[in-house]
All heavy atoms as atom14 arrays in JSON, in Angstrom:
{
  "sequence": "ELVIPGRLDPNVEVFINGAAATPDDVMIDDEV",
  "atom14_mask": [
    [1, 1, 1, 1, 1, 1, 1, 1, 1, 0, 0, 0, 0, 0],
    [1, 1, 1, 1, 1, 1, 1, 1, 0, 0, 0, 0, 0, 0],
    [1, 1, 1, 1, 1, 1, 1, 0, 0, 0, 0, 0, 0, 0],
    [1, 1, 1, 1, 1, 1, 1, 1, 0, 0, 0, 0, 0, 0],
    [1, 1, 1, 1, 1, 1, 1, 0, 0, 0, 0, 0, 0, 0],
    [1, 1, 1, 1, 0, 0, 0, 0, 0, 0, 0, 0, 0, 0],
    [1, 1, 1, 1, 1, 1, 1, 1, 1, 1, 1, 0, 0, 0],
    [1, 1, 1, 1, 1, 1, 1, 1, 0, 0, 0, 0, 0, 0],
    [1, 1, 1, 1, 1, 1, 1, 1, 0, 0, 0, 0, 0, 0],
    [1, 1, 1, 1, 1, 1, 1, 0, 0, 0, 0, 0, 0, 0],
    [1, 1, 1, 1, 1, 1, 1, 1, 0, 0, 0, 0, 0, 0],
    [1, 1, 1, 1, 1, 1, 1, 0, 0, 0, 0, 0, 0, 0],
    [1, 1, 1, 1, 1, 1, 1, 1, 1, 0, 0, 0, 0, 0],
    [1, 1, 1, 1, 1, 1, 1, 0, 0, 0, 0, 0, 0, 0],
    [1, 1, 1, 1, 1, 1, 1, 1, 1, 1, 1, 0, 0, 0],
    [1, 1, 1, 1, 1, 1, 1, 1, 0, 0, 0, 0, 0, 0],
    [1, 1, 1, 1, 1, 1, 1, 1, 0, 0, 0, 0, 0, 0],
    [1, 1, 1, 1, 0, 0, 0, 0, 0, 0, 0, 0, 0, 0],
    [1, 1, 1, 1, 1, 0, 0, 0, 0, 0, 0, 0, 0, 0],
    [1, 1, 1, 1, 1, 0, 0, 0, 0, 0, 0, 0, 0, 0],
    [1, 1, 1, 1, 1, 0, 0, 0, 0, 0, 0, 0, 0, 0],
    [1, 1, 1, 1, 1, 1, 1, 0, 0, 0, 0, 0, 0, 0],
    [1, 1, 1, 1, 1, 1, 1, 0, 0, 0, 0, 0, 0, 0],
    [1, 1, 1, 1, 1, 1, 1, 1, 0, 0, 0, 0, 0, 0],
    [1, 1, 1, 1, 1, 1, 1, 1, 0, 0, 0, 0, 0, 0],
    [1, 1, 1, 1, 1, 1, 1, 0, 0, 0, 0, 0, 0, 0],
    [1, 1, 1, 1, 1, 1, 1, 1, 0, 0, 0, 0, 0, 0],
    [1, 1, 1, 1, 1, 1, 1, 1, 0, 0, 0, 0, 0, 0],
    [1, 1, 1, 1, 1, 1, 1, 1, 0, 0, 0, 0, 0, 0],
    [1, 1, 1, 1, 1, 1, 1, 1, 0, 0, 0, 0, 0, 0],
    [1, 1, 1, 1, 1, 1, 1, 1, 1, 0, 0, 0, 0, 0],
    [1, 1, 1, 1, 1, 1, 1, 0, 0, 0, 0, 0, 0, 0]
  ],
  "atom14_positions": [
    [[23.67, -5.16, -20.04], [23.29, -3.88, -19.45], [22.9, -2.91, -20.56], [23.56, -2.84, -21.6], [24.45, -3.28, -18.64], [24.43, -3.68, -17.2], [25.36, -2.81, -16.36], [26.42, -2.41, -16.85], [25.0, -2.56, -15.21], [0.0, 0.0, 0.0], [0.0, 0.0, 0.0], [0.0, 0.0, 0.0], [0.0, 0.0, 0.0], [0.0, 0.0, 0.0]],
    [[21.83, -2.2, -20.33], [21.36, -1.19, -21.27], [21.25, 0.14, -20.54], [21.07, 0.18, -19.33], [19.96, -1.57, -21.79], [19.8, -2.92, -22.46], [18.33, -3.18, -22.76], [20.61, -2.96, -23.74], [0.0, 0.0, 0.0], [0.0, 0.0, 0.0], [0.0, 0.0, 0.0], [0.0, 0.0, 0.0], [0.0, 0.0, 0.0], [0.0, 0.0, 0.0]],
    [[21.33, 1.22, -21.27], [21.11, 2.54, -20.7], [19.66, 2.9, -20.96], [19.19, 2.89, -22.1], [22.05, 3.59, -21.33], [21.72, 4.97, -20.81], [23.49, 3.25, -21.03], [0.0, 0.0, 0.0], [0.0, 0.0, 0.0], [0.0, 0.0, 0.0], [0.0, 0.0, 0.0], [0.0, 0.0, 0.0], [0.0, 0.0, 0.0], [0.0, 0.0, 0.0]],
    [[18.94, 3.2, -19.88], [17.53, 3.58, -19.97], [17.41, 5.08, -19.74], [17.79, 5.56, -18.67], [16.68, 2.86, -18.91], [16.79, 1.36, -19.05], [15.23, 3.31, -18.98], [16.09, 0.62, -17.94], [0.0, 0.0, 0.0], [0.0, 0.0, 0.0], [0.0, 0.0, 0.0], [0.0, 0.0, 0.0], [0.0, 0.0, 0.0], [0.0, 0.0, 0.0]],
    [[16.89, 5.83, -20.71], [16.66, 7.26, -20.47], [15.31, 7.47, -19.8], [14.41, 6.65, -19.88], [16.68, 7.86, -21.88], [16.18, 6.74, -22.75], [16.64, 5.46, -22.1], [0.0, 0.0, 0.0], [0.0, 0.0, 0.0], [0.0, 0.0, 0.0], [0.0, 0.0, 0.0], [0.0, 0.0, 0.0], [0.0, 0.0, 0.0], [0.0, 0.0, 0.0]],
    [[15.17, 8.58, -19.14], [13.91, 8.95, -18.52], [13.97, 10.37, -18.03], [14.88, 11.13, -18.38], [0.0, 0.0, 0.0], [0.0, 0.0, 0.0], [0.0, 0.0, 0.0], [0.0, 0.0, 0.0], [0.0, 0.0, 0.0], [0.0, 0.0, 0.0], [0.0, 0.0, 0.0], [0.0, 0.0, 0.0], [0.0, 0.0, 0.0], [0.0, 0.0, 0.0]],
    [[13.03, 10.72, -17.19], [13.05, 12.04, -16.57], [12.45, 11.93, -15.18], [11.84, 10.91, -14.84], [12.33, 13.08, -17.42], [10.86, 12.84, -17.63], [10.26, 13.9, -18.58], [8.9, 13.58, -18.9], [7.85, 13.91, -18.15], [8.02, 14.59, -17.05], [6.63, 13.56, -18.5], [0.0, 0.0, 0.0], [0.0, 0.0, 0.0], [0.0, 0.0, 0.0]],
    [[12.65, 12.96, -14.39], [12.13, 12.97, -13.02], [10.8, 13.69, -12.98], [10.63, 14.75, -13.6], [13.12, 13.69, -12.08], [14.5, 13.09, -11.96], [15.37, 13.95, -11.05], [14.44, 11.67, -11.43], [0.0, 0.0, 0.0], [0.0, 0.0, 0.0], [0.0, 0.0, 0.0], [0.0, 0.0, 0.0], [0.0, 0.0, 0.0], [0.0, 0.0, 0.0]],
    [[9.85, 13.13, -12.24], [8.59, 13.8, -11.97], [8.9, 15.04, -11.15], [9.81, 15.02, -10.32], [7.67, 12.84, -11.19], [6.32, 13.44, -10.94], [5.44, 13.27, -11.79], [6.14, 14.08, -9.87], [0.0, 0.0, 0.0], [0.0, 0.0, 0.0], [0.0, 0.0, 0.0], [0.0, 0.0, 0.0], [0.0, 0.0, 0.0], [0.0, 0.0, 0.0]],
    [[8.19, 16.15, -11.35], [8.45, 17.35, -10.55], [8.33, 17.1, -9.04], [8.97, 17.77, -8.24], [7.41, 18.36, -11.01], [6.95, 17.87, -12.34], [7.15, 16.38, -12.35], [0.0, 0.0, 0.0], [0.0, 0.0, 0.0], [0.0, 0.0, 0.0], [0.0, 0.0, 0.0], [0.0, 0.0, 0.0], [0.0, 0.0, 0.0], [0.0, 0.0, 0.0]],
    [[7.53, 16.12, -8.65], [7.34, 15.81, -7.22], [8.05, 14.52, -6.82], [7.61, 13.82, -5.91], [5.85, 15.69, -6.91], [5.12, 16.99, -7.18], [5.58, 18.06, -6.83], [3.98, 16.89, -7.85], [0.0, 0.0, 0.0], [0.0, 0.0, 0.0], [0.0, 0.0, 0.0], [0.0, 0.0, 0.0], [0.0, 0.0, 0.0], [0.0, 0.0, 0.0]],
    [[9.16, 14.2, -7.48], [9.88, 12.96, -7.21], [10.32, 12.9, -5.74], [10.7, 13.92, -5.16], [11.08, 12.79, -8.15], [12.14, 13.85, -7.9], [11.67, 11.41, -8.05], [0.0, 0.0, 0.0], [0.0, 0.0, 0.0], [0.0, 0.0, 0.0], [0.0, 0.0, 0.0], [0.0, 0.0, 0.0], [0.0, 0.0, 0.0], [0.0, 0.0, 0.0]],
    [[10.22, 11.71, -5.15], [10.71, 11.48, -3.81], [12.08, 10.82, -3.94], [12.22, 9.82, -4.65], [9.78, 10.55, -3.03], [8.41, 11.13, -2.78], [7.53, 10.13, -2.04], [7.53, 8.93, -2.39], [6.86, 10.56, -1.1], [0.0, 0.0, 0.0], [0.0, 0.0, 0.0], [0.0, 0.0, 0.0], [0.0, 0.0, 0.0], [0.0, 0.0, 0.0]],
    [[13.08, 11.37, -3.25], [14.44, 10.83, -3.3], [14.86, 10.46, -1.89], [14.68, 11.24, -0.95], [15.43, 11.86, -3.9], [16.83, 11.3, -3.92], [14.99, 12.26, -5.31], [0.0, 0.0, 0.0], [0.0, 0.0, 0.0], [0.0, 0.0, 0.0], [0.0, 0.0, 0.0], [0.0, 0.0, 0.0], [0.0, 0.0, 0.0], [0.0, 0.0, 0.0]],
    [[15.42, 9.26, -1.76], [15.93, 8.77, -0.48], [17.34, 8.23, -0.69], [17.59, 7.52, -1.65], [15.04, 7.66, 0.08], [13.63, 8.11, 0.35], [12.65, 7.97, -0.62], [13.3, 8.68, 1.56], [11.35, 8.4, -0.38], [12.01, 9.11, 1.8], [11.03, 8.97, 0.84], [0.0, 0.0, 0.0], [0.0, 0.0, 0.0], [0.0, 0.0, 0.0]],
    [[18.24, 8.58, 0.22], [19.59, 8.05, 0.19], [19.81, 7.29, 1.49], [19.73, 7.88, 2.58], [20.65, 9.16, 0.01], [20.42, 9.87, -1.33], [22.06, 8.58, 0.1], [21.33, 11.03, -1.6], [0.0, 0.0, 0.0], [0.0, 0.0, 0.0], [0.0, 0.0, 0.0], [0.0, 0.0, 0.0], [0.0, 0.0, 0.0], [0.0, 0.0, 0.0]],
    [[20.01, 5.99, 1.36], [20.13, 5.09, 2.52], [18.97, 5.29, 3.5], [19.15, 5.31, 4.71], [21.48, 5.28, 3.22], [22.62, 4.79, 2.37], [22.44, 4.05, 1.43], [23.82, 5.23, 2.7], [0.0, 0.0, 0.0], [0.0, 0.0, 0.0], [0.0, 0.0, 0.0], [0.0, 0.0, 0.0], [0.0, 0.0, 0.0], [0.0, 0.0, 0.0]],
    [[17.78, 5.51, 2.96], [16.57, 5.64, 3.76], [16.27, 7.05, 4.24], [15.18, 7.31, 4.73], [0.0, 0.0, 0.0], [0.0, 0.0, 0.0], [0.0, 0.0, 0.0], [0.0, 0.0, 0.0], [0.0, 0.0, 0.0], [0.0, 0.0, 0.0], [0.0, 0.0, 0.0], [0.0, 0.0, 0.0], [0.0, 0.0, 0.0], [0.0, 0.0, 0.0]],
    [[17.19, 7.99, 4.1], [16.97, 9.37, 4.53], [16.49, 10.22, 3.35], [16.97, 10.06, 2.23], [18.25, 9.96, 5.11], [0.0, 0.0, 0.0], [0.0, 0.0, 0.0], [0.0, 0.0, 0.0], [0.0, 0.0, 0.0], [0.0, 0.0, 0.0], [0.0, 0.0, 0.0], [0.0, 0.0, 0.0], [0.0, 0.0, 0.0], [0.0, 0.0, 0.0]],
    [[15.56, 11.13, 3.62], [15.05, 12.01, 2.58], [16.18, 12.86, 2.0], [17.07, 13.3, 2.72], [13.95, 12.91, 3.13], [0.0, 0.0, 0.0], [0.0, 0.0, 0.0], [0.0, 0.0, 0.0], [0.0, 0.0, 0.0], [0.0, 0.0, 0.0], [0.0, 0.0, 0.0], [0.0, 0.0, 0.0], [0.0, 0.0, 0.0], [0.0, 0.0, 0.0]],
    [[16.16, 13.05, 0.68], [17.19, 13.81, -0.01], [16.54, 14.55, -1.18], [15.31, 14.52, -1.34], [18.28, 12.87, -0.51], [0.0, 0.0, 0.0], [0.0, 0.0, 0.0], [0.0, 0.0, 0.0], [0.0, 0.0, 0.0], [0.0, 0.0, 0.0], [0.0, 0.0, 0.0], [0.0, 0.0, 0.0], [0.0, 0.0, 0.0], [0.0, 0.0, 0.0]],
    [[17.36, 15.22, -1.97], [16.87, 15.93, -3.15], [17.53, 15.32, -4.4], [18.55, 14.65, -4.29], [17.22, 17.43, -3.09], [18.65, 17.57, -3.21], [16.73, 18.06, -1.81], [0.0, 0.0, 0.0], [0.0, 0.0, 0.0], [0.0, 0.0, 0.0], [0.0, 0.0, 0.0], [0.0, 0.0, 0.0], [0.0, 0.0, 0.0], [0.0, 0.0, 0.0]],
    [[16.99, 15.59, -5.58], [17.63, 15.09, -6.79], [19.07, 15.58, -6.95], [19.9, 14.88, -7.53], [16.73, 15.62, -7.92], [15.39, 15.77, -7.28], [15.68, 16.19, -5.87], [0.0, 0.0, 0.0], [0.0, 0.0, 0.0], [0.0, 0.0, 0.0], [0.0, 0.0, 0.0], [0.0, 0.0, 0.0], [0.0, 0.0, 0.0], [0.0, 0.0, 0.0]],
    [[19.39, 16.75, -6.41], [20.75, 17.27, -6.51], [21.74, 16.44, -5.71], [22.95, 16.52, -5.94], [20.8, 18.73, -6.04], [20.09, 19.66, -7.01], [20.01, 19.32, -8.21], [19.62, 20.72, -6.57], [0.0, 0.0, 0.0], [0.0, 0.0, 0.0], [0.0, 0.0, 0.0], [0.0, 0.0, 0.0], [0.0, 0.0, 0.0], [0.0, 0.0, 0.0]],
    [[21.25, 15.64, -4.75], [22.14, 14.8, -3.93], [22.54, 13.51, -4.62], [23.44, 12.81, -4.17], [21.44, 14.46, -2.6], [21.14, 15.71, -1.78], [21.95, 16.64, -1.8], [20.08, 15.73, -1.11], [0.0, 0.0, 0.0], [0.0, 0.0, 0.0], [0.0, 0.0, 0.0], [0.0, 0.0, 0.0], [0.0, 0.0, 0.0], [0.0, 0.0, 0.0]],
    [[21.88, 13.16, -5.72], [22.17, 11.92, -6.43], [23.41, 12.12, -7.3], [23.58, 13.17, -7.92], [20.96, 11.49, -7.29], [21.26, 10.22, -8.06], [19.73, 11.31, -6.41], [0.0, 0.0, 0.0], [0.0, 0.0, 0.0], [0.0, 0.0, 0.0], [0.0, 0.0, 0.0], [0.0, 0.0, 0.0], [0.0, 0.0, 0.0], [0.0, 0.0, 0.0]],
    [[24.29, 11.11, -7.31], [25.54, 11.2, -8.06], [25.65, 10.09, -9.1], [24.99, 9.05, -8.99], [26.73, 11.1, -7.09], [26.75, 12.22, -6.06], [28.21, 12.21, -5.01], [28.04, 10.68, -4.12], [0.0, 0.0, 0.0], [0.0, 0.0, 0.0], [0.0, 0.0, 0.0], [0.0, 0.0, 0.0], [0.0, 0.0, 0.0], [0.0, 0.0, 0.0]],
    [[26.5, 10.31, -10.09], [26.78, 9.31, -11.11], [27.32, 8.06, -10.42], [28.08, 8.15, -9.47], [27.81, 9.85, -12.14], [27.32, 11.13, -12.81], [28.16, 8.79, -13.18], [26.05, 11.0, -13.62], [0.0, 0.0, 0.0], [0.0, 0.0, 0.0], [0.0, 0.0, 0.0], [0.0, 0.0, 0.0], [0.0, 0.0, 0.0], [0.0, 0.0, 0.0]],
    [[26.92, 6.89, -10.9], [27.3, 5.57, -10.39], [26.62, 5.19, -9.08], [26.91, 4.13, -8.53], [28.82, 5.4, -10.25], [29.48, 5.18, -11.6], [28.82, 4.63, -12.5], [30.65, 5.55, -11.76], [0.0, 0.0, 0.0], [0.0, 0.0, 0.0], [0.0, 0.0, 0.0], [0.0, 0.0, 0.0], [0.0, 0.0, 0.0], [0.0, 0.0, 0.0]],
    [[25.7, 6.0, -8.56], [24.92, 5.6, -7.39], [24.07, 4.38, -7.76], [23.5, 4.33, -8.86], [23.98, 6.72, -6.92], [24.63, 7.7, -5.96], [25.68, 7.36, -5.37], [24.08, 8.8, -5.79], [0.0, 0.0, 0.0], [0.0, 0.0, 0.0], [0.0, 0.0, 0.0], [0.0, 0.0, 0.0], [0.0, 0.0, 0.0], [0.0, 0.0, 0.0]],
    [[23.99, 3.42, -6.84], [23.07, 2.28, -7.01], [21.67, 2.79, -6.69], [21.45, 3.4, -5.64], [23.44, 1.15, -6.06], [24.78, 0.52, -6.34], [24.8, -0.29, -7.63], [23.79, -0.92, -7.96], [25.85, -0.28, -8.28], [0.0, 0.0, 0.0], [0.0, 0.0, 0.0], [0.0, 0.0, 0.0], [0.0, 0.0, 0.0], [0.0, 0.0, 0.0]],
    [[20.71, 2.57, -7.6], [19.36, 3.1, -7.42], [18.3, 2.05, -7.67], [18.49, 1.1, -8.43], [19.09, 4.3, -8.35], [19.91, 5.5, -7.96], [19.3, 3.95, -9.8], [0.0, 0.0, 0.0], [0.0, 0.0, 0.0], [0.0, 0.0, 0.0], [0.0, 0.0, 0.0], [0.0, 0.0, 0.0], [0.0, 0.0, 0.0], [0.0, 0.0, 0.0]]
  ]
}
């Protein structure tokens, strides 16, 4: 396992279990 750094596009689409969400809804250790 490696840690990959990156950043979010300003228009990123976020979904949690198929429902629309925001980047603020994402938590540490979430499977993505």
